[in-house]
């Protein structure tokens, strides 16, 4: 995995804590378009399509930690719960396809990077 740049990490951290793109731009002294570019790059590097998926992956890889919270545990818990629900749905999809299905094998490889694919 390509590591996040410091700017991508900062943007992901602020997004995970509920900041808007405009608010992040003001905080970091950059344009909203630059914030959006950093967000896109972070999502791509984390292989995520949305914020809950990016947060979950960042947690799993140690990029974000619970003590990174600045807006309080309630909002973070909701976002983490969204990410966990999406992960559970992906697991159900993989199980439903069956172990021999190519998509199921790919999902298994993504969800279990340190295990061999069945």
N, C-alpha and C. Protein backbone atom coordinates (compact mmCIF):
# COMPACT_ATOMS: atom_id res chain seq x y z
N UNK A 1 0.84 -1.19 0.00
CA UNK A 1 0.00 0.00 0.00
C UNK A 1 0.87 1.24 0.00
N UNK A 2 0.52 2.20 -0.81
CA UNK A 2 1.20 3.49 -0.82
C UNK A 2 0.76 4.27 0.41
N UNK A 3 1.71 4.79 1.20
CA UNK A 3 1.30 5.53 2.40
C UNK A 3 0.63 6.86 2.04
N UNK A 4 -0.22 7.31 2.93
CA UNK A 4 -0.87 8.61 2.74
C UNK A 4 0.16 9.71 2.94
N UNK A 5 0.02 10.77 2.14
CA UNK A 5 0.87 11.94 2.34
C UNK A 5 0.39 12.64 3.62
N UNK A 6 1.22 13.52 4.19
CA UNK A 6 0.76 14.26 5.38
C UNK A 6 -0.54 15.03 5.11
N UNK A 7 -0.68 15.62 3.93
CA UNK A 7 -1.90 16.37 3.61
C UNK A 7 -3.11 15.44 3.51
N UNK A 8 -2.93 14.27 2.88
CA UNK A 8 -4.02 13.30 2.77
C UNK A 8 -4.43 12.80 4.15
N UNK A 9 -3.45 12.55 5.00
CA UNK A 9 -3.74 12.10 6.37
C UNK A 9 -4.52 13.16 7.12
N UNK A 10 -4.09 14.42 7.00
CA UNK A 10 -4.76 15.51 7.71
C UNK A 10 -6.21 15.65 7.23
N UNK A 11 -6.41 15.58 5.92
CA UNK A 11 -7.76 15.70 5.38
C UNK A 11 -8.63 14.53 5.84
N UNK A 12 -8.11 13.31 5.78
CA UNK A 12 -8.87 12.14 6.23
C UNK A 12 -9.23 12.27 7.71
N UNK A 13 -8.27 12.69 8.52
CA UNK A 13 -8.50 12.87 9.97
C UNK A 13 -9.63 13.87 10.21
N UNK A 14 -9.58 15.01 9.51
CA UNK A 14 -10.60 16.03 9.71
C UNK A 14 -11.96 15.58 9.17
N UNK A 15 -11.98 14.88 8.03
CA UNK A 15 -13.24 14.35 7.52
C UNK A 15 -13.84 13.34 8.49
N UNK A 16 -13.00 12.48 9.04
CA UNK A 16 -13.47 11.46 9.99
C UNK A 16 -14.04 12.10 11.25
N UNK A 17 -13.60 13.31 11.54
CA UNK A 17 -14.09 14.01 12.72
C UNK A 17 -15.24 14.96 12.39
N UNK A 18 -15.81 14.79 11.18
CA UNK A 18 -17.03 15.52 10.86
C UNK A 18 -16.84 16.88 10.23
N UNK A 19 -15.63 17.27 9.90
CA UNK A 19 -15.42 18.58 9.28
C UNK A 19 -15.87 18.54 7.83
N UNK A 20 -16.37 19.66 7.34
CA UNK A 20 -16.78 19.77 5.94
C UNK A 20 -15.56 20.10 5.08
N UNK A 21 -15.72 19.90 3.79
CA UNK A 21 -14.63 20.24 2.86
C UNK A 21 -14.28 21.72 2.97
N UNK A 22 -15.30 22.56 3.05
CA UNK A 22 -15.07 24.00 3.18
C UNK A 22 -14.36 24.32 4.49
N UNK A 23 -14.79 23.69 5.57
CA UNK A 23 -14.16 23.92 6.87
C UNK A 23 -12.70 23.46 6.87
N UNK A 24 -12.44 22.33 6.24
CA UNK A 24 -11.06 21.82 6.17
C UNK A 24 -10.21 22.78 5.36
N UNK A 25 -10.76 23.26 4.24
CA UNK A 25 -10.02 24.21 3.41
C UNK A 25 -9.64 25.44 4.22
N UNK A 26 -10.57 25.95 5.00
CA UNK A 26 -10.27 27.13 5.83
C UNK A 26 -9.24 26.78 6.90
N UNK A 27 -9.38 25.61 7.55
CA UNK A 27 -8.44 25.20 8.59
C UNK A 27 -7.02 25.07 8.06
N UNK A 28 -6.88 24.48 6.86
CA UNK A 28 -5.56 24.19 6.32
C UNK A 28 -5.03 25.28 5.39
N UNK A 29 -5.87 26.26 5.09
CA UNK A 29 -5.43 27.35 4.22
C UNK A 29 -5.23 26.91 2.78
N UNK A 30 -6.10 26.01 2.31
CA UNK A 30 -6.05 25.53 0.93
C UNK A 30 -7.44 25.66 0.33
N UNK A 31 -7.56 25.43 -0.97
CA UNK A 31 -8.87 25.55 -1.61
C UNK A 31 -9.70 24.29 -1.40
N UNK A 32 -11.02 24.40 -1.48
CA UNK A 32 -11.86 23.21 -1.40
C UNK A 32 -11.51 22.17 -2.48
N UNK A 33 -11.11 22.63 -3.66
CA UNK A 33 -10.71 21.68 -4.71
C UNK A 33 -9.48 20.87 -4.30
N UNK A 34 -8.55 21.51 -3.60
CA UNK A 34 -7.36 20.81 -3.13
C UNK A 34 -7.75 19.79 -2.06
N UNK A 35 -8.68 20.17 -1.18
CA UNK A 35 -9.17 19.23 -0.17
C UNK A 35 -9.79 18.02 -0.86
N UNK A 36 -10.62 18.27 -1.88
CA UNK A 36 -11.27 17.18 -2.60
C UNK A 36 -10.24 16.28 -3.27
N UNK A 37 -9.17 16.87 -3.81
CA UNK A 37 -8.12 16.06 -4.44
C UNK A 37 -7.42 15.18 -3.40
N UNK A 38 -7.10 15.75 -2.23
CA UNK A 38 -6.46 14.96 -1.17
C UNK A 38 -7.39 13.84 -0.71
N UNK A 39 -8.69 14.13 -0.62
CA UNK A 39 -9.67 13.11 -0.22
C UNK A 39 -9.71 11.99 -1.25
N UNK A 40 -9.79 12.34 -2.53
CA UNK A 40 -9.79 11.33 -3.61
C UNK A 40 -8.54 10.46 -3.55
N UNK A 41 -7.37 11.10 -3.38
CA UNK A 41 -6.12 10.35 -3.33
C UNK A 41 -6.08 9.42 -2.12
N UNK A 42 -6.56 9.89 -0.97
CA UNK A 42 -6.59 9.05 0.23
C UNK A 42 -7.52 7.86 0.02
N UNK A 43 -8.71 8.10 -0.54
CA UNK A 43 -9.64 7.01 -0.79
C UNK A 43 -9.02 5.99 -1.74
N UNK A 44 -8.35 6.47 -2.79
CA UNK A 44 -7.72 5.56 -3.76
C UNK A 44 -6.65 4.72 -3.07
N UNK A 45 -5.82 5.35 -2.27
CA UNK A 45 -4.74 4.62 -1.59
C UNK A 45 -5.29 3.62 -0.58
N UNK A 46 -6.42 3.94 0.02
CA UNK A 46 -7.04 3.04 0.99
C UNK A 46 -7.99 2.05 0.32
N UNK A 47 -8.15 2.15 -0.99
CA UNK A 47 -9.06 1.31 -1.76
C UNK A 47 -10.48 1.39 -1.20
N UNK A 48 -10.90 2.63 -0.92
CA UNK A 48 -12.23 2.88 -0.36
C UNK A 48 -13.03 3.72 -1.35
N UNK A 49 -14.34 3.53 -1.35
CA UNK A 49 -15.20 4.31 -2.23
C UNK A 49 -15.98 5.38 -1.49
N UNK A 50 -15.96 5.32 -0.15
CA UNK A 50 -16.69 6.31 0.63
C UNK A 50 -15.99 6.52 1.97
N UNK A 51 -16.46 7.52 2.72
CA UNK A 51 -15.80 7.87 3.97
C UNK A 51 -15.86 6.76 5.02
N UNK A 52 -17.01 6.11 5.25
CA UNK A 52 -16.99 5.02 6.23
C UNK A 52 -15.99 3.92 5.88
N UNK A 53 -15.90 3.57 4.59
CA UNK A 53 -14.94 2.56 4.18
C UNK A 53 -13.52 3.01 4.39
N UNK A 54 -13.25 4.29 4.11
CA UNK A 54 -11.90 4.83 4.31
C UNK A 54 -11.54 4.84 5.80
N UNK A 55 -12.50 5.22 6.65
CA UNK A 55 -12.25 5.25 8.09
C UNK A 55 -11.96 3.85 8.60
N UNK A 56 -12.77 2.88 8.18
CA UNK A 56 -12.56 1.52 8.64
C UNK A 56 -11.19 1.00 8.22
N UNK A 57 -10.83 1.21 6.96
CA UNK A 57 -9.53 0.76 6.47
C UNK A 57 -8.41 1.47 7.21
N UNK A 58 -8.56 2.76 7.44
CA UNK A 58 -7.54 3.52 8.16
C UNK A 58 -7.38 3.00 9.59
N UNK A 59 -8.49 2.62 10.23
CA UNK A 59 -8.42 2.01 11.56
C UNK A 59 -7.69 0.67 11.50
N UNK A 60 -8.07 -0.16 10.53
CA UNK A 60 -7.47 -1.49 10.42
C UNK A 60 -5.97 -1.40 10.18
N UNK A 61 -5.54 -0.39 9.46
CA UNK A 61 -4.11 -0.24 9.13
C UNK A 61 -3.35 0.63 10.13
N UNK A 62 -4.04 1.11 11.16
CA UNK A 62 -3.37 1.92 12.18
C UNK A 62 -3.10 3.35 11.77
N UNK A 63 -3.73 3.80 10.69
CA UNK A 63 -3.54 5.18 10.23
C UNK A 63 -4.32 6.13 11.12
N UNK A 64 -5.53 5.74 11.50
CA UNK A 64 -6.34 6.49 12.46
C UNK A 64 -6.48 5.65 13.72
N UNK A 65 -6.56 6.35 14.86
CA UNK A 65 -6.71 5.68 16.15
C UNK A 65 -7.87 6.35 16.89
N UNK A 66 -8.49 5.63 17.83
CA UNK A 66 -9.60 6.25 18.57
C UNK A 66 -9.22 7.55 19.26
N UNK A 67 -7.97 7.66 19.70
CA UNK A 67 -7.58 8.90 20.38
C UNK A 67 -7.35 10.06 19.40
N UNK A 68 -7.54 9.81 18.09
CA UNK A 68 -7.48 10.89 17.10
C UNK A 68 -8.76 11.71 17.08
N UNK A 69 -9.79 11.26 17.81
CA UNK A 69 -11.07 11.95 17.83
C UNK A 69 -10.92 13.32 18.44
N UNK A 70 -11.59 14.30 17.80
CA UNK A 70 -11.63 15.63 18.38
C UNK A 70 -13.06 16.13 18.55
N UNK A 71 -14.03 15.46 17.94
CA UNK A 71 -15.41 15.95 18.02
C UNK A 71 -16.26 15.16 18.99
N UNK A 72 -15.69 14.21 19.68
CA UNK A 72 -16.45 13.44 20.65
C UNK A 72 -16.79 12.06 20.14
N UNK A 73 -16.97 11.13 21.07
CA UNK A 73 -17.14 9.73 20.68
C UNK A 73 -18.44 9.43 19.95
N UNK A 74 -19.50 10.21 20.17
CA UNK A 74 -20.78 9.87 19.56
C UNK A 74 -20.69 9.88 18.03
N UNK A 75 -20.20 10.96 17.46
CA UNK A 75 -20.12 11.06 16.01
C UNK A 75 -19.18 9.99 15.46
N UNK A 76 -18.05 9.78 16.12
CA UNK A 76 -17.07 8.77 15.67
C UNK A 76 -17.69 7.39 15.71
N UNK A 77 -18.42 7.10 16.78
CA UNK A 77 -19.05 5.78 16.91
C UNK A 77 -20.04 5.54 15.78
N UNK A 78 -20.80 6.56 15.41
CA UNK A 78 -21.75 6.42 14.31
C UNK A 78 -21.01 6.14 13.01
N UNK A 79 -19.95 6.88 12.73
CA UNK A 79 -19.20 6.68 11.49
C UNK A 79 -18.54 5.31 11.48
N UNK A 80 -17.99 4.88 12.61
CA UNK A 80 -17.36 3.57 12.67
C UNK A 80 -18.42 2.48 12.52
N UNK A 81 -19.59 2.68 13.11
CA UNK A 81 -20.67 1.70 12.96
C UNK A 81 -21.10 1.60 11.50
N UNK A 82 -21.16 2.72 10.79
CA UNK A 82 -21.47 2.69 9.35
C UNK A 82 -20.44 1.86 8.60
N UNK A 83 -19.17 2.08 8.91
CA UNK A 83 -18.09 1.36 8.24
C UNK A 83 -18.17 -0.13 8.55
N UNK A 84 -18.44 -0.47 9.80
CA UNK A 84 -18.54 -1.88 10.18
C UNK A 84 -19.74 -2.54 9.51
N UNK A 85 -20.83 -1.82 9.36
CA UNK A 85 -22.01 -2.37 8.69
C UNK A 85 -21.70 -2.65 7.23
N UNK A 86 -20.98 -1.75 6.58
CA UNK A 86 -20.61 -1.97 5.18
C UNK A 86 -19.69 -3.18 5.06
N UNK A 87 -18.76 -3.32 5.97
CA UNK A 87 -17.85 -4.46 5.94
C UNK A 87 -18.63 -5.76 6.13
N UNK A 88 -19.58 -5.77 7.04
CA UNK A 88 -20.40 -6.97 7.27
C UNK A 88 -21.19 -7.31 6.01
N UNK A 89 -21.69 -6.31 5.30
CA UNK A 89 -22.44 -6.56 4.06
C UNK A 89 -21.54 -7.18 3.00
N UNK A 90 -20.29 -6.72 2.93
CA UNK A 90 -19.35 -7.29 1.96
C UNK A 90 -19.06 -8.75 2.31
N UNK A 91 -18.89 -9.04 3.60
CA UNK A 91 -18.66 -10.42 4.03
C UNK A 91 -19.85 -11.31 3.65
N UNK A 92 -21.08 -10.81 3.86
CA UNK A 92 -22.27 -11.58 3.49
C UNK A 92 -22.31 -11.83 1.99
N UNK A 93 -21.96 -10.81 1.21
CA UNK A 93 -21.94 -10.97 -0.24
C UNK A 93 -20.93 -12.05 -0.63
N UNK A 94 -19.75 -12.02 -0.07
CA UNK A 94 -18.71 -13.01 -0.41
C UNK A 94 -19.19 -14.42 -0.05
N UNK A 95 -19.79 -14.58 1.14
CA UNK A 95 -20.30 -15.90 1.54
C UNK A 95 -21.41 -16.37 0.61
N UNK A 96 -22.28 -15.46 0.18
CA UNK A 96 -23.39 -15.81 -0.69
C UNK A 96 -22.93 -16.25 -2.08
N UNK A 97 -21.82 -15.71 -2.54
CA UNK A 97 -21.31 -16.09 -3.86
C UNK A 97 -20.69 -17.48 -3.87
N UNK A 98 -20.21 -17.92 -2.72
CA UNK A 98 -19.56 -19.23 -2.64
C UNK A 98 -18.05 -19.10 -2.80
N UNK A 99 -17.30 -20.00 -2.18
CA UNK A 99 -15.84 -19.88 -2.15
C UNK A 99 -15.16 -20.00 -3.51
N UNK A 100 -15.79 -20.63 -4.48
CA UNK A 100 -15.15 -20.81 -5.78
C UNK A 100 -15.37 -19.65 -6.75
N UNK A 101 -16.27 -18.75 -6.41
CA UNK A 101 -16.60 -17.64 -7.30
C UNK A 101 -15.42 -16.66 -7.35
N UNK A 102 -15.02 -16.16 -8.53
CA UNK A 102 -13.87 -15.26 -8.63
C UNK A 102 -14.04 -13.96 -7.83
N UNK A 103 -15.25 -13.43 -7.80
CA UNK A 103 -15.48 -12.20 -7.02
C UNK A 103 -15.32 -12.50 -5.53
N UNK A 104 -15.83 -13.65 -5.09
CA UNK A 104 -15.69 -14.02 -3.68
C UNK A 104 -14.22 -14.19 -3.31
N UNK A 105 -13.44 -14.80 -4.21
CA UNK A 105 -12.01 -14.96 -3.93
C UNK A 105 -11.31 -13.61 -3.83
N UNK A 106 -11.69 -12.68 -4.71
CA UNK A 106 -11.07 -11.34 -4.67
C UNK A 106 -11.48 -10.61 -3.40
N UNK A 107 -12.75 -10.68 -3.02
CA UNK A 107 -13.20 -10.05 -1.78
C UNK A 107 -12.46 -10.65 -0.58
N UNK A 108 -12.29 -11.97 -0.57
CA UNK A 108 -11.56 -12.61 0.52
C UNK A 108 -10.14 -12.08 0.59
N UNK A 109 -9.50 -11.93 -0.55
CA UNK A 109 -8.12 -11.43 -0.58
C UNK A 109 -8.04 -10.00 -0.05
N UNK A 110 -9.04 -9.19 -0.37
CA UNK A 110 -9.06 -7.80 0.10
C UNK A 110 -9.33 -7.74 1.59
N UNK A 111 -10.29 -8.55 2.06
CA UNK A 111 -10.71 -8.48 3.45
C UNK A 111 -9.73 -9.20 4.38
N UNK A 112 -8.95 -10.12 3.85
CA UNK A 112 -8.02 -10.90 4.66
C UNK A 112 -6.64 -10.89 4.00
N UNK A 113 -5.97 -9.74 3.97
CA UNK A 113 -4.73 -9.63 3.20
C UNK A 113 -3.61 -10.54 3.66
N UNK A 114 -3.65 -11.03 4.87
CA UNK A 114 -2.57 -11.87 5.38
C UNK A 114 -2.89 -13.35 5.31
N UNK A 115 -4.06 -13.69 4.80
CA UNK A 115 -4.46 -15.09 4.69
C UNK A 115 -4.49 -15.51 3.24
N UNK A 116 -4.27 -16.76 3.00
CA UNK A 116 -4.38 -17.27 1.63
C UNK A 116 -5.84 -17.35 1.23
N UNK A 117 -6.09 -17.11 -0.04
CA UNK A 117 -7.45 -17.21 -0.57
C UNK A 117 -7.83 -18.68 -0.69
N UNK A 118 -9.05 -19.06 -0.23
CA UNK A 118 -9.46 -20.47 -0.31
C UNK A 118 -9.64 -20.92 -1.75
